Protein backbone atom coordinates (compact mmCIF):
# COMPACT_ATOMS: atom_id res chain seq x y z
CA MET A 1 26.14 8.23 -7.12
CA GLY A 2 28.98 6.02 -6.20
CA THR A 3 30.27 3.02 -8.04
CA THR A 4 29.60 -0.58 -7.13
CA THR A 5 32.29 -2.05 -5.09
CA ASP A 6 33.49 -5.62 -4.72
CA ALA A 7 31.84 -5.65 -1.30
CA ASP A 8 28.66 -4.46 -2.74
CA THR A 9 28.60 -7.37 -5.40
CA ALA A 10 29.40 -9.87 -2.84
CA THR A 11 26.52 -9.00 -0.82
CA GLY A 12 24.14 -8.51 -3.54
CA THR A 13 23.84 -4.71 -2.71
CA ALA A 14 23.15 -2.57 -5.78
CA ALA A 15 24.66 0.89 -6.15
CA ARG A 16 21.96 3.34 -5.51
CA GLY A 17 21.51 7.19 -5.04
CA PRO A 18 20.40 8.95 -1.91
CA PHE A 19 16.93 8.44 -0.70
CA PRO A 20 15.29 11.80 -0.61
CA ALA A 21 13.63 13.55 2.44
CA SER A 22 10.87 15.31 0.48
CA GLY A 23 9.71 15.61 -3.25
CA ARG A 24 9.03 11.82 -3.07
CA ARG A 25 6.45 9.98 -5.16
CA VAL A 26 4.07 8.39 -2.60
CA LEU A 27 1.16 5.93 -3.16
CA VAL A 28 -1.29 5.72 -0.22
CA SER A 29 -3.91 3.00 -0.52
CA GLY A 30 -7.25 3.31 1.00
CA ALA A 31 -6.93 7.14 1.14
CA SER A 32 -10.43 8.43 0.58
CA ARG A 33 -10.89 9.35 4.30
CA GLY A 34 -9.85 8.63 7.92
CA LEU A 35 -6.35 7.56 8.34
CA GLY A 36 -5.69 7.56 4.58
CA ARG A 37 -6.63 11.16 4.35
CA ALA A 38 -4.40 12.10 7.25
CA LEU A 39 -1.46 10.18 5.72
CA SER A 40 -1.91 11.81 2.48
CA ARG A 41 -2.01 15.22 4.14
CA ALA A 42 1.17 14.47 6.11
CA PHE A 43 3.21 13.55 2.98
CA ALA A 44 1.81 16.49 1.07
CA ASP A 45 2.66 18.80 3.84
CA ASN A 46 6.17 17.35 3.67
CA GLY A 47 6.64 18.40 0.12
CA ASP A 48 5.90 15.01 -1.60
CA ARG A 49 3.56 14.10 -4.31
CA VAL A 50 0.79 11.79 -3.47
CA ALA A 51 -1.33 9.19 -5.33
CA VAL A 52 -4.55 8.96 -3.59
CA HIS A 53 -6.12 5.62 -4.03
CA PHE A 54 -9.63 4.72 -3.41
CA GLY A 55 -11.83 1.62 -3.91
CA SER A 56 -15.37 2.88 -4.26
CA ARG A 57 -15.60 6.27 -2.41
CA ALA A 58 -14.66 8.47 -5.36
CA ASP A 59 -16.27 11.65 -3.92
CA ASP A 60 -14.42 11.23 -0.56
CA ALA A 61 -11.16 10.64 -2.31
CA ARG A 62 -11.59 13.79 -4.46
CA ALA A 63 -12.21 15.73 -1.24
CA THR A 64 -8.95 14.16 0.20
CA LEU A 65 -7.17 15.15 -3.24
CA ASP A 66 -8.58 18.74 -2.97
CA SER A 67 -7.33 19.13 0.64
CA LEU A 68 -3.66 18.42 -0.07
CA ALA A 69 -1.07 21.05 -0.06
CA GLY A 70 1.23 21.58 -2.89
CA SER A 71 0.63 20.27 -6.46
CA GLY A 72 1.22 17.23 -8.70
CA HIS A 73 -1.07 14.92 -6.72
CA VAL A 74 -3.26 12.37 -8.49
CA LEU A 75 -6.37 10.25 -7.79
CA VAL A 76 -6.23 6.52 -8.67
CA GLY A 77 -9.23 4.25 -8.21
CA GLY A 78 -9.21 0.36 -8.32
CA ASP A 79 -10.09 -2.83 -6.75
CA LEU A 80 -6.91 -3.95 -4.77
CA ALA A 81 -8.62 -7.35 -4.08
CA ASP A 82 -8.18 -8.15 -7.76
CA PRO A 83 -4.45 -8.90 -8.63
CA ALA A 84 -5.02 -7.33 -11.93
CA GLY A 85 -6.60 -4.43 -10.20
CA ALA A 86 -3.65 -3.91 -7.92
CA ARG A 87 -1.26 -3.95 -10.99
CA ASP A 88 -3.46 -1.31 -12.62
CA VAL A 89 -3.39 0.86 -9.53
CA ALA A 90 0.41 0.60 -9.11
CA ASP A 91 1.09 1.24 -12.83
CA ARG A 92 -1.30 4.26 -13.07
CA ALA A 93 0.15 5.70 -9.83
CA ALA A 94 3.74 5.26 -11.07
CA ASP A 95 3.00 6.54 -14.63
CA ALA A 96 1.24 9.83 -13.19
CA LEU A 97 3.98 10.52 -10.56
CA GLY A 98 6.89 9.33 -12.61
CA GLY A 99 7.73 6.43 -10.29
CA ILE A 100 7.07 5.25 -6.75
CA ASP A 101 9.40 6.04 -3.79
CA VAL A 102 7.02 5.31 -0.88
CA LEU A 103 4.20 2.89 -0.62
CA VAL A 104 1.73 3.04 2.36
CA ASN A 105 -0.38 0.03 2.60
CA ASN A 106 -3.38 1.39 4.43
CA ALA A 107 -6.46 -0.06 2.62
CA ALA A 108 -8.27 -2.57 4.80
CA VAL A 109 -11.63 -3.96 5.66
CA ASN A 110 -12.90 -4.53 9.27
CA LEU A 111 -16.32 -6.02 9.33
CA PRO A 112 -17.71 -7.68 12.51
CA HIS A 113 -18.14 -11.51 12.56
CA PRO A 114 -18.33 -12.76 16.17
CA PRO A 115 -17.71 -16.56 16.04
CA ALA A 116 -20.60 -17.51 18.27
CA THR A 117 -23.32 -15.73 16.31
CA THR A 118 -22.03 -15.55 12.76
CA SER A 119 -23.41 -18.00 10.21
CA TYR A 120 -20.86 -20.43 8.68
CA GLU A 121 -21.72 -18.88 5.15
CA ASP A 122 -21.06 -15.29 6.42
CA TRP A 123 -18.15 -16.42 8.43
CA SER A 124 -16.41 -18.01 5.44
CA ALA A 125 -17.21 -15.08 3.07
CA LEU A 126 -15.88 -12.53 5.51
CA TRP A 127 -12.59 -14.37 6.08
CA GLN A 128 -12.00 -14.54 2.36
CA ARG A 129 -12.72 -10.78 2.17
CA HIS A 130 -10.41 -9.84 4.88
CA VAL A 131 -7.59 -12.01 3.50
CA ALA A 132 -7.92 -10.71 0.01
CA VAL A 133 -8.06 -7.08 0.94
CA ASN A 134 -5.89 -6.86 4.18
CA LEU A 135 -3.24 -9.31 3.30
CA VAL A 136 -3.01 -10.38 -0.30
CA ALA A 137 -3.60 -6.91 -1.63
CA THR A 138 -0.93 -5.57 0.69
CA ALA A 139 1.50 -8.29 -0.54
CA ASN A 140 0.70 -7.65 -4.32
CA LEU A 141 1.08 -3.84 -3.99
CA SER A 142 4.35 -4.38 -2.06
CA HIS A 143 5.68 -6.57 -4.80
CA LEU A 144 4.72 -4.18 -7.52
CA ALA A 145 6.09 -1.12 -5.75
CA ALA A 146 9.43 -2.97 -4.80
CA HIS A 147 10.16 -3.82 -8.48
CA ARG A 148 9.53 -0.19 -9.39
CA MET A 149 11.93 1.10 -6.66
CA ARG A 150 14.59 -1.46 -7.63
CA GLY A 151 14.39 -0.20 -11.15
CA GLN A 152 14.71 3.39 -10.02
CA GLY A 153 17.89 2.83 -8.13
CA THR A 154 17.32 5.23 -5.27
CA GLY A 155 15.81 2.70 -2.68
CA GLY A 156 12.49 3.22 -1.21
CA ARG A 157 10.05 2.71 1.64
CA ILE A 158 7.06 0.23 2.14
CA LEU A 159 5.12 1.06 5.19
CA ASN A 160 2.31 -1.03 6.42
CA ILE A 161 -0.76 -0.03 8.86
CA GLY A 162 -1.16 -3.05 11.06
CA SER A 163 -3.06 -3.07 14.37
CA ARG A 164 -2.81 -3.52 18.20
CA GLY A 165 -5.45 -6.20 17.56
CA ALA A 166 -2.81 -8.45 16.06
CA PHE A 167 -1.33 -8.74 19.52
CA ARG A 168 -4.19 -8.62 21.84
CA GLY A 169 -6.82 -10.28 19.89
CA GLU A 170 -10.09 -9.12 18.25
CA PRO A 171 -12.95 -11.27 19.53
CA ASP A 172 -15.67 -9.77 17.31
CA HIS A 173 -13.29 -9.27 14.40
CA PRO A 174 -11.03 -12.16 14.39
CA ALA A 175 -10.17 -12.16 10.64
CA TYR A 176 -9.14 -8.57 11.08
CA GLY A 177 -6.80 -9.40 13.90
CA ALA A 178 -5.25 -12.40 12.16
CA THR A 179 -4.71 -10.65 8.88
CA LYS A 180 -3.06 -7.68 10.48
CA ALA A 181 -0.73 -10.02 12.39
CA ALA A 182 0.15 -11.58 9.02
CA VAL A 183 0.71 -8.09 7.66
CA HIS A 184 3.26 -7.54 10.47
CA ALA A 185 5.01 -10.86 9.56
CA LEU A 186 4.97 -10.03 5.89
CA GLY A 187 6.63 -6.69 6.56
CA GLN A 188 9.35 -8.34 8.45
CA SER A 189 9.99 -10.94 5.61
CA LEU A 190 10.08 -8.13 3.09
CA ALA A 191 12.38 -6.01 5.39
CA VAL A 192 14.99 -8.76 5.15
CA ALA A 193 14.55 -9.46 1.59
CA LEU A 194 14.57 -6.05 0.10
CA ALA A 195 17.19 -4.30 2.37
CA PRO A 196 20.02 -5.29 -0.09
CA HIS A 197 18.26 -3.05 -2.63
CA GLY A 198 17.89 -0.07 -0.33
CA ILE A 199 14.22 -0.65 0.47
CA ALA A 200 13.28 -0.34 4.01
CA VAL A 201 10.08 -1.90 5.24
CA ALA A 202 8.28 -1.26 8.53
CA SER A 203 4.88 -1.49 10.12
CA VAL A 204 2.89 0.46 12.66
CA ALA A 205 0.25 -1.19 15.02
CA PRO A 206 -2.24 1.55 16.10
CA GLY A 207 -4.66 1.17 18.97
CA PHE A 208 -7.94 2.89 18.79
CA PHE A 209 -7.87 6.33 17.11
CA GLY A 210 -10.64 8.62 16.23
CA THR A 211 -11.84 9.12 12.57
CA GLU A 212 -15.18 10.15 11.21
CA ARG A 213 -16.06 6.45 10.68
CA VAL A 214 -15.87 5.64 14.38
CA ALA A 215 -16.59 9.00 15.92
CA HIS A 216 -19.89 7.77 17.21
CA ARG A 217 -18.08 5.16 19.35
CA LEU A 218 -16.51 7.90 21.39
CA ASP A 219 -19.82 9.06 22.87
CA GLY A 220 -21.36 7.80 26.16
CA ALA A 221 -20.29 4.70 28.15
CA GLU A 222 -18.48 3.22 25.22
CA GLY A 223 -16.38 6.31 24.55
CA GLU A 224 -15.39 6.42 28.40
CA ALA A 225 -14.33 2.78 28.22
CA ILE A 226 -12.20 3.45 25.03
CA ARG A 227 -10.45 6.37 26.64
CA ALA A 228 -9.86 4.43 29.78
CA GLN A 229 -7.86 1.86 27.92
CA SER A 230 -4.88 4.35 27.82
CA PRO A 231 -3.40 5.97 30.85
CA PHE A 232 -3.50 9.10 28.94
CA GLY A 233 -7.32 8.95 29.34
CA ARG A 234 -7.89 9.64 25.65
CA ALA A 235 -8.01 8.01 22.29
CA GLY A 236 -5.30 8.53 19.67
CA THR A 237 -5.78 10.61 16.53
CA ALA A 238 -5.24 9.80 12.83
CA GLU A 239 -2.68 12.65 12.66
CA GLU A 240 -0.52 10.97 15.39
CA VAL A 241 -0.36 7.77 13.36
CA ALA A 242 0.23 9.63 10.23
CA ALA A 243 3.26 11.44 11.83
CA ALA A 244 4.87 8.11 12.81
CA VAL A 245 4.50 6.76 9.31
CA LEU A 246 6.06 10.07 7.86
CA TRP A 247 9.07 9.55 10.12
CA LEU A 248 9.38 5.89 8.93
CA ALA A 249 9.51 7.19 5.34
CA SER A 250 12.36 9.56 6.24
CA PRO A 251 15.96 8.90 5.27
CA PRO A 252 17.20 8.39 8.88
CA ALA A 253 14.50 5.88 9.53
CA GLU A 254 16.19 3.27 7.21
CA TRP A 255 17.51 1.47 10.41
CA ALA A 256 14.07 0.96 11.72
CA SER A 257 13.45 -1.53 8.83
CA GLY A 258 11.75 -4.61 10.15
CA ALA A 259 10.19 -2.80 13.08
CA VAL A 260 6.57 -2.96 14.18
CA ILE A 261 5.94 0.14 16.16
CA ASP A 262 3.25 0.35 18.73
CA LEU A 263 1.02 3.42 18.62
CA ASN A 264 -1.50 2.80 21.35
CA GLY A 265 -0.95 5.35 24.18
CA ALA A 266 0.37 2.49 26.47
CA SER A 267 -3.03 0.69 26.28
CA HIS A 268 -1.37 -2.61 25.35
CA LEU A 269 2.23 -3.25 26.27
CA ARG A 270 4.19 -6.21 24.53
CA THR A 271 7.05 -7.98 25.99
């Protein structure tokens, strides 16, 4: 590791070691199934050690853990919507892995609440739930992980799973679209704030991709309509999203900090 120079001190940049390409300590939130499972597998296949977080699906999370290549992976349960729960998850993951080099904020809720037909009581409760899990939990885990990374002195990565819905709207899931837009903005704010500490922050904005939870939607007329959204004539896969996140966690991707990368098969083009 090099010494801190006058220029480093002037800009507030701390001296740090190289960010590794593998063998990293990775916390993936919401990793019991679906994209979280694909993310965990991608990092494990890369030679990293993964803390598989789950909220309530312990059996599914265990199945994710058992499917990972390599060794040294751990299971960490906890309620991220509770600030104390988020701290506990981060602490137990860091203790089990010996630190945190990469945080992937994947945990989210996406419950329908169309404005015209949802009662005010349900509307209010669902908004609070979406904000607590999708946004505040992401902010809290990011803060906890960033302080760990600063103390380790080798930099790090914070990667957020956003959504295409943040840009094109979610008429039946407006709180989901709004909180994912906020997650994108949070990531860009953190990218600027944490760069002097060697921590890069980026987000991905996937379109529709197939998982076991939404597999039924790919049948019949609805499935045809979903596939028609993309000129490729198909839906995306969780593995394609995970591959992009894995690249964002790589050493050469530091310069992508602050980016929000669209992963939607050209189904929605931003200008």
